[in-house]
Amino acid sequence: MRLIKQNLRRVVLLSAMTSGAIASGTAVASLRAALGGRAGTIYEITKDVETVSEGAEGSTGSSTDRDTIVERVLAVRSDGRELEFDLPKDATEQDRESNWQFPIRVFKSYSGTVRLLNRSELEGRIDRWLKKGGIPRAACGHWVFTWNAFKIDCDPESALETVAAYDLGSNDIRDGYVYDDPEASAPIVLRKTTTSTNAVTFSGSMPIDPASVRREQAESDVVVAEISNKSLTLEDAIRARSDEKVTGTISISFEVAPSGFVRQRTKIAKLKLVEPNGTVEHRTTTEILKRQIVSGEGSQ
């Protein structure tokens, strides 16, 4: 199960991952080095997200979330790699039941395209998941609330969106690389900021795209309305938030090994939202995506 915001961002992340890799024009040899790993190599990818908000009259709120998946290199081909993504060994039976997508097997080409390899297997898991939960097929695509808000997702291809949320090795990160973020109003040029014997850091900052933020807020409004058995279209939700003033910045940094392997991405989004009635909210979201080798031979 995923939080509302995480679910709503998965498609955007998938688009950013694919378009960024294709647009880079990086040579295959460079991409192989940046991706790292021979067949049999196992990586652990951890995503930490912290959001801190400050509202009217000094009210504050915060939330933290950590997710971990394991990436296995199944095969390395001349045109790309076959990979398997799974939950960690300590995942509980309940974790397995609620995350029917895992394990996910994909083929990732060096040009940036991603293709699902175990679709039929996932379709079988969906059937078992629905049956065990007593969920009718008609509920697929809808949102519900139990202990958390989640979408009844029955599309095997959504597994690719899940994989995209943990991707940080598709781009040839370097000094002068043009980085584009789906939540920013314009791309930026990354610059080398720190250097050590083990890693180089490339960083940059860009302005927030107000329209992107309003749309994300509106999508959450639609979800809340559905859970509350109310009717609200996305168009109406966007229109209702059109008078909100949104400003802010996104700071991004990549930690890259000498081989070109991207070890860590840190993204800090700072927002200021002003409602038409003058209510102000400051929100800071920090997302750290870290990838490290746990078994086999990789580029660290």
Protein backbone atom coordinates (compact mmCIF):
# COMPACT_ATOMS: atom_id res chain seq x y z
CA MET A 1 0.00 0.00 0.00
CA ARG A 2 1.26 3.44 -0.86
CA LEU A 3 0.47 6.89 0.52
CA ILE A 4 -1.73 9.07 -1.71
CA LYS A 5 1.08 11.37 -2.77
CA GLN A 6 3.40 8.48 -3.63
CA ASN A 7 0.73 6.83 -5.77
CA LEU A 8 -0.10 10.02 -7.64
CA ARG A 9 3.55 10.71 -8.48
CA ARG A 10 4.44 7.28 -9.87
CA VAL A 11 3.37 8.01 -13.46
CA VAL A 12 5.27 11.31 -13.44
CA LEU A 13 8.38 9.54 -12.15
CA LEU A 14 8.11 6.90 -14.87
CA SER A 15 7.92 9.58 -17.55
CA ALA A 16 10.86 11.48 -16.09
CA MET A 17 13.00 8.35 -15.86
CA THR A 18 12.43 7.30 -19.46
CA SER A 19 12.60 10.70 -21.13
CA GLY A 20 15.70 11.70 -19.18
CA ALA A 21 17.59 8.61 -20.24
CA ILE A 22 16.68 8.91 -23.91
CA ALA A 23 17.34 12.64 -24.07
CA SER A 24 20.85 12.31 -22.63
CA GLY A 25 22.27 10.76 -25.80
CA THR A 26 24.85 8.94 -23.68
CA ALA A 27 26.99 6.30 -25.33
CA VAL A 28 26.19 2.68 -24.46
CA ALA A 29 29.59 2.15 -22.86
CA SER A 30 29.07 5.08 -20.50
CA LEU A 31 25.61 3.89 -19.57
CA ARG A 32 26.92 0.41 -18.74
CA ALA A 33 29.44 1.94 -16.37
CA ALA A 34 26.85 4.21 -14.78
CA LEU A 35 24.39 1.37 -14.30
CA GLY A 36 27.03 -1.04 -12.99
CA GLY A 37 26.76 -4.68 -12.01
CA ARG A 38 27.27 -8.06 -13.67
CA ALA A 39 24.73 -10.85 -13.73
CA GLY A 40 24.20 -11.99 -10.14
CA THR A 41 24.89 -8.60 -8.57
CA ILE A 42 22.37 -7.58 -5.90
CA TYR A 43 21.65 -4.02 -4.81
CA GLU A 44 19.57 -2.60 -1.99
CA ILE A 45 17.69 0.59 -2.79
CA THR A 46 16.30 2.68 0.06
CA LYS A 47 13.97 5.64 -0.26
CA ASP A 48 13.49 7.99 2.70
CA VAL A 49 10.90 10.77 2.50
CA GLU A 50 10.35 13.42 5.18
CA THR A 51 7.80 16.22 4.92
CA VAL A 52 7.65 19.11 7.38
CA SER A 53 4.93 21.74 7.15
CA GLU A 54 4.19 24.97 9.01
CA GLY A 55 0.74 26.51 8.79
CA ALA A 56 -1.22 29.37 10.25
CA GLU A 57 -0.56 30.53 13.81
CA GLY A 58 2.60 28.40 14.11
CA SER A 59 0.90 25.05 13.62
CA THR A 60 3.32 22.37 12.46
CA GLY A 61 3.17 18.85 11.13
CA SER A 62 5.58 16.23 9.87
CA SER A 63 5.64 12.77 8.34
CA THR A 64 8.35 10.27 7.52
CA ASP A 65 8.35 7.19 5.32
CA ARG A 66 10.97 4.59 4.40
CA ASP A 67 10.71 1.96 1.67
CA THR A 68 13.36 -0.55 0.66
CA ILE A 69 13.54 -2.87 -2.34
CA VAL A 70 16.17 -5.25 -3.69
CA GLU A 71 17.44 -5.15 -7.27
CA ARG A 72 19.04 -8.24 -8.85
CA VAL A 73 20.87 -8.22 -12.16
CA LEU A 74 19.58 -11.35 -13.93
CA ALA A 75 21.39 -10.92 -17.25
CA VAL A 76 23.49 -8.34 -19.08
CA ARG A 77 22.83 -8.16 -22.83
CA SER A 78 24.33 -6.10 -25.61
CA ASP A 79 21.26 -3.84 -25.67
CA GLY A 80 20.41 -3.69 -21.97
CA ARG A 81 19.88 -5.62 -18.75
CA GLU A 82 17.29 -8.00 -17.33
CA LEU A 83 16.51 -7.06 -13.73
CA GLU A 84 14.37 -8.33 -10.88
CA PHE A 85 13.00 -6.05 -8.16
CA ASP A 86 11.72 -7.59 -4.96
CA LEU A 87 10.91 -6.80 -1.35
CA PRO A 88 13.77 -7.31 1.16
CA LYS A 89 14.26 -10.63 2.95
CA ASP A 90 12.71 -9.33 6.16
CA ALA A 91 9.42 -8.46 4.43
CA THR A 92 6.46 -9.96 6.30
CA GLU A 93 3.72 -12.10 4.81
CA GLN A 94 1.42 -9.11 5.11
CA ASP A 95 3.92 -6.98 3.15
CA ARG A 96 3.89 -9.61 0.41
CA GLU A 97 0.12 -9.77 0.31
CA SER A 98 -0.36 -6.02 0.01
CA ASN A 99 2.41 -5.52 -2.58
CA TRP A 100 1.32 -7.97 -5.26
CA GLN A 101 3.66 -6.44 -7.86
CA PHE A 102 6.77 -7.98 -6.30
CA PRO A 103 8.88 -9.62 -7.55
CA ILE A 104 8.97 -7.56 -10.75
CA ARG A 105 11.13 -8.63 -13.69
CA VAL A 106 11.92 -6.07 -16.37
CA PHE A 107 14.21 -5.44 -19.31
CA LYS A 108 15.87 -2.02 -19.27
CA SER A 109 17.54 -1.06 -22.52
CA TYR A 110 20.55 1.25 -22.65
CA SER A 111 18.40 3.71 -24.62
CA GLY A 112 16.13 4.11 -21.60
CA THR A 113 13.06 2.00 -22.45
CA VAL A 114 11.65 -0.37 -19.84
CA ARG A 115 9.59 -3.50 -20.59
CA LEU A 116 7.78 -5.81 -18.18
CA LEU A 117 8.87 -9.45 -18.47
CA ASN A 118 6.56 -11.30 -16.04
CA ARG A 119 3.16 -9.84 -16.91
CA SER A 120 1.31 -13.17 -16.83
CA GLU A 121 2.75 -13.92 -13.39
CA LEU A 122 1.54 -10.56 -12.11
CA GLU A 123 -1.92 -11.13 -13.56
CA GLY A 124 -2.15 -14.34 -11.54
CA ARG A 125 -1.10 -12.51 -8.37
CA ILE A 126 -3.75 -9.85 -8.95
CA ASP A 127 -6.46 -12.53 -9.20
CA ARG A 128 -5.32 -14.13 -5.94
CA TRP A 129 -5.04 -10.74 -4.22
CA LEU A 130 -8.56 -9.72 -5.22
CA LYS A 131 -9.99 -13.10 -4.26
CA LYS A 132 -8.31 -13.16 -0.85
CA GLY A 133 -9.45 -9.63 -0.07
CA GLY A 134 -12.97 -10.22 -1.32
CA ILE A 135 -12.53 -7.34 -3.75
CA PRO A 136 -14.66 -7.33 -6.94
CA ARG A 137 -13.05 -6.51 -10.28
CA ALA A 138 -15.35 -3.52 -10.55
CA ALA A 139 -13.39 -1.89 -7.70
CA CYS A 140 -10.17 -1.81 -9.74
CA GLY A 141 -8.90 1.71 -10.30
CA HIS A 142 -10.76 3.16 -7.30
CA TRP A 143 -9.44 4.54 -4.01
CA VAL A 144 -10.38 3.28 -0.55
CA PHE A 145 -9.35 4.04 3.00
CA THR A 146 -8.61 1.50 5.73
CA TRP A 147 -5.63 2.36 7.94
CA ASN A 148 -4.26 4.26 4.96
CA ALA A 149 -5.47 5.62 1.64
CA PHE A 150 -4.61 3.32 -1.24
CA LYS A 151 -5.65 2.61 -4.79
CA ILE A 152 -7.03 -0.77 -5.82
CA ASP A 153 -4.53 -1.14 -8.65
CA CYS A 154 -5.11 -4.14 -10.91
CA ASP A 155 -2.92 -3.17 -13.86
CA PRO A 156 0.28 -5.28 -14.24
CA GLU A 157 1.94 -2.39 -16.11
CA SER A 158 1.76 -0.31 -12.92
CA ALA A 159 4.73 -2.39 -11.76
CA LEU A 160 6.86 -0.29 -14.12
CA GLU A 161 5.74 2.85 -12.30
CA THR A 162 6.77 1.26 -9.01
CA VAL A 163 10.23 0.48 -10.43
CA ALA A 164 10.56 4.03 -11.76
CA ALA A 165 10.14 5.47 -8.27
CA TYR A 166 13.43 3.78 -7.26
CA ASP A 167 15.44 4.61 -10.36
CA LEU A 168 18.57 6.77 -10.07
CA GLY A 169 20.99 5.10 -12.46
CA SER A 170 19.58 5.72 -15.92
CA ASN A 171 21.26 9.06 -16.52
CA ASP A 172 24.86 9.88 -17.27
CA ILE A 173 25.27 12.35 -14.40
CA ARG A 174 28.25 14.65 -14.90
CA ASP A 175 29.33 18.27 -14.80
CA GLY A 176 27.21 20.11 -17.34
CA TYR A 177 24.44 17.50 -17.46
CA VAL A 178 21.03 19.04 -18.15
CA TYR A 179 18.62 17.73 -15.50
CA ASP A 180 14.86 18.11 -15.81
CA ASP A 181 12.43 17.49 -12.96
CA PRO A 182 8.68 17.02 -13.54
CA GLU A 183 7.91 19.40 -10.66
CA ALA A 184 10.23 22.20 -11.84
CA SER A 185 9.42 25.03 -14.22
CA ALA A 186 12.66 24.65 -16.19
CA PRO A 187 15.64 22.29 -16.44
CA ILE A 188 19.00 23.12 -14.89
CA VAL A 189 22.64 22.38 -15.57
CA LEU A 190 24.27 20.29 -12.85
CA ARG A 191 27.67 21.40 -11.60
CA LYS A 192 30.37 19.57 -9.66
CA THR A 193 30.17 20.79 -6.08
CA THR A 194 32.33 18.41 -4.03
CA THR A 195 34.98 15.82 -4.85
CA SER A 196 36.55 13.02 -2.81
CA THR A 197 38.49 9.85 -3.58
CA ASN A 198 35.27 7.83 -3.36
CA ALA A 199 32.64 10.04 -4.97
CA VAL A 200 31.82 13.26 -6.77
CA THR A 201 28.71 15.33 -6.04
CA PHE A 202 26.82 17.21 -8.75
CA SER A 203 24.16 19.70 -7.67
CA GLY A 204 21.75 22.35 -8.83
CA SER A 205 18.63 24.31 -7.90
CA MET A 206 15.53 25.18 -9.92
CA PRO A 207 12.21 26.98 -9.40
CA ILE A 208 9.04 25.02 -8.61
CA ASP A 209 6.38 24.78 -11.34
CA PRO A 210 3.21 26.20 -9.70
CA ALA A 211 0.91 24.42 -12.18
CA SER A 212 2.47 21.06 -11.32
CA VAL A 213 1.98 21.64 -7.59
CA ARG A 214 -1.64 22.76 -8.04
CA ARG A 215 -2.39 19.72 -10.15
CA GLU A 216 -0.87 17.37 -7.57
CA GLN A 217 -2.92 19.07 -4.85
CA ALA A 218 -6.04 18.78 -7.01
CA GLU A 219 -5.42 15.08 -7.68
CA SER A 220 -5.25 14.52 -3.92
CA ASP A 221 -8.53 16.43 -3.55
CA VAL A 222 -10.18 14.09 -6.07
CA VAL A 223 -8.92 11.06 -4.15
CA VAL A 224 -10.21 12.44 -0.83
CA ALA A 225 -13.57 13.16 -2.45
CA GLU A 226 -13.83 9.61 -3.78
CA ILE A 227 -12.98 8.12 -0.39
CA SER A 228 -15.62 10.39 1.18
CA ASN A 229 -18.22 9.26 -1.41
CA LYS A 230 -18.37 12.71 -2.96
CA SER A 231 -18.24 13.73 -6.61
CA LEU A 232 -15.34 15.88 -7.80
CA THR A 233 -13.75 15.99 -11.24
CA LEU A 234 -10.07 16.77 -11.72
CA GLU A 235 -10.99 19.81 -13.82
CA ASP A 236 -13.14 21.23 -11.02
CA ALA A 237 -10.45 20.48 -8.45
CA ILE A 238 -7.81 22.29 -10.52
CA ARG A 239 -10.16 25.22 -11.03
CA ALA A 240 -10.79 25.44 -7.28
CA ARG A 241 -7.06 25.79 -6.64
CA SER A 242 -6.31 28.15 -9.53
CA ASP A 243 -6.15 31.21 -7.25
CA GLU A 244 -3.57 29.70 -4.92
CA LYS A 245 -0.13 31.28 -5.09
CA VAL A 246 2.70 28.77 -5.20
CA THR A 247 6.40 29.60 -5.00
CA GLY A 248 9.46 27.59 -4.09
CA THR A 249 12.60 25.81 -5.20
CA ILE A 250 13.88 22.31 -5.80
CA SER A 251 17.47 21.50 -4.86
CA ILE A 252 18.92 18.31 -6.30
CA SER A 253 22.24 16.57 -5.75
CA PHE A 254 23.72 13.30 -7.03
CA GLU A 255 26.56 11.37 -5.41
CA VAL A 256 28.44 9.51 -8.15
CA ALA A 257 31.24 6.93 -7.87
CA PRO A 258 34.38 7.31 -10.01
CA SER A 259 32.99 4.62 -12.36
CA GLY A 260 29.90 6.77 -13.04
CA PHE A 261 27.63 4.66 -10.82
CA VAL A 262 25.02 6.88 -9.14
CA ARG A 263 24.94 6.01 -5.45
CA GLN A 264 22.55 8.58 -4.05
CA ARG A 265 20.10 11.27 -5.08
CA THR A 266 18.91 13.91 -2.62
CA LYS A 267 15.97 16.11 -3.55
CA ILE A 268 14.74 18.95 -1.34
CA ALA A 269 11.56 20.76 -2.36
CA LYS A 270 10.65 23.93 -0.46
CA LEU A 271 7.16 25.31 -1.06
CA LYS A 272 5.17 28.34 0.00
CA LEU A 273 1.44 28.08 -0.60
CA VAL A 274 -0.83 31.10 -0.13
CA GLU A 275 -4.59 30.51 -0.29
CA PRO A 276 -6.97 33.23 -1.56
CA ASN A 277 -7.98 34.01 2.06
CA GLY A 278 -4.36 34.75 2.92
CA THR A 279 -3.60 31.51 4.78
CA VAL A 280 0.07 30.60 4.31
CA GLU A 281 1.67 27.17 4.46
CA HIS A 282 5.39 26.42 4.23
CA ARG A 283 6.29 22.87 3.30
CA THR A 284 9.66 21.16 2.93
CA THR A 285 9.93 17.65 1.49
CA THR A 286 13.26 15.83 1.54
CA GLU A 287 13.62 12.64 -0.49
CA ILE A 288 16.82 10.58 -0.31
CA LEU A 289 17.21 7.66 -2.70
CA LYS A 290 20.25 5.47 -1.95
CA ARG A 291 21.56 2.43 -3.82
CA GLN A 292 24.30 0.14 -2.51
CA ILE A 293 25.69 -3.26 -3.46
CA VAL A 294 25.00 -6.13 -1.06
CA SER A 295 26.24 -9.12 -3.09
CA GLY A 296 28.19 -9.80 -6.28
CA GLU A 297 30.37 -7.52 -8.35
CA GLY A 298 29.20 -3.99 -9.03
CA SER A 299 30.45 -0.46 -9.67
CA GLN A 300 30.58 1.22 -6.29
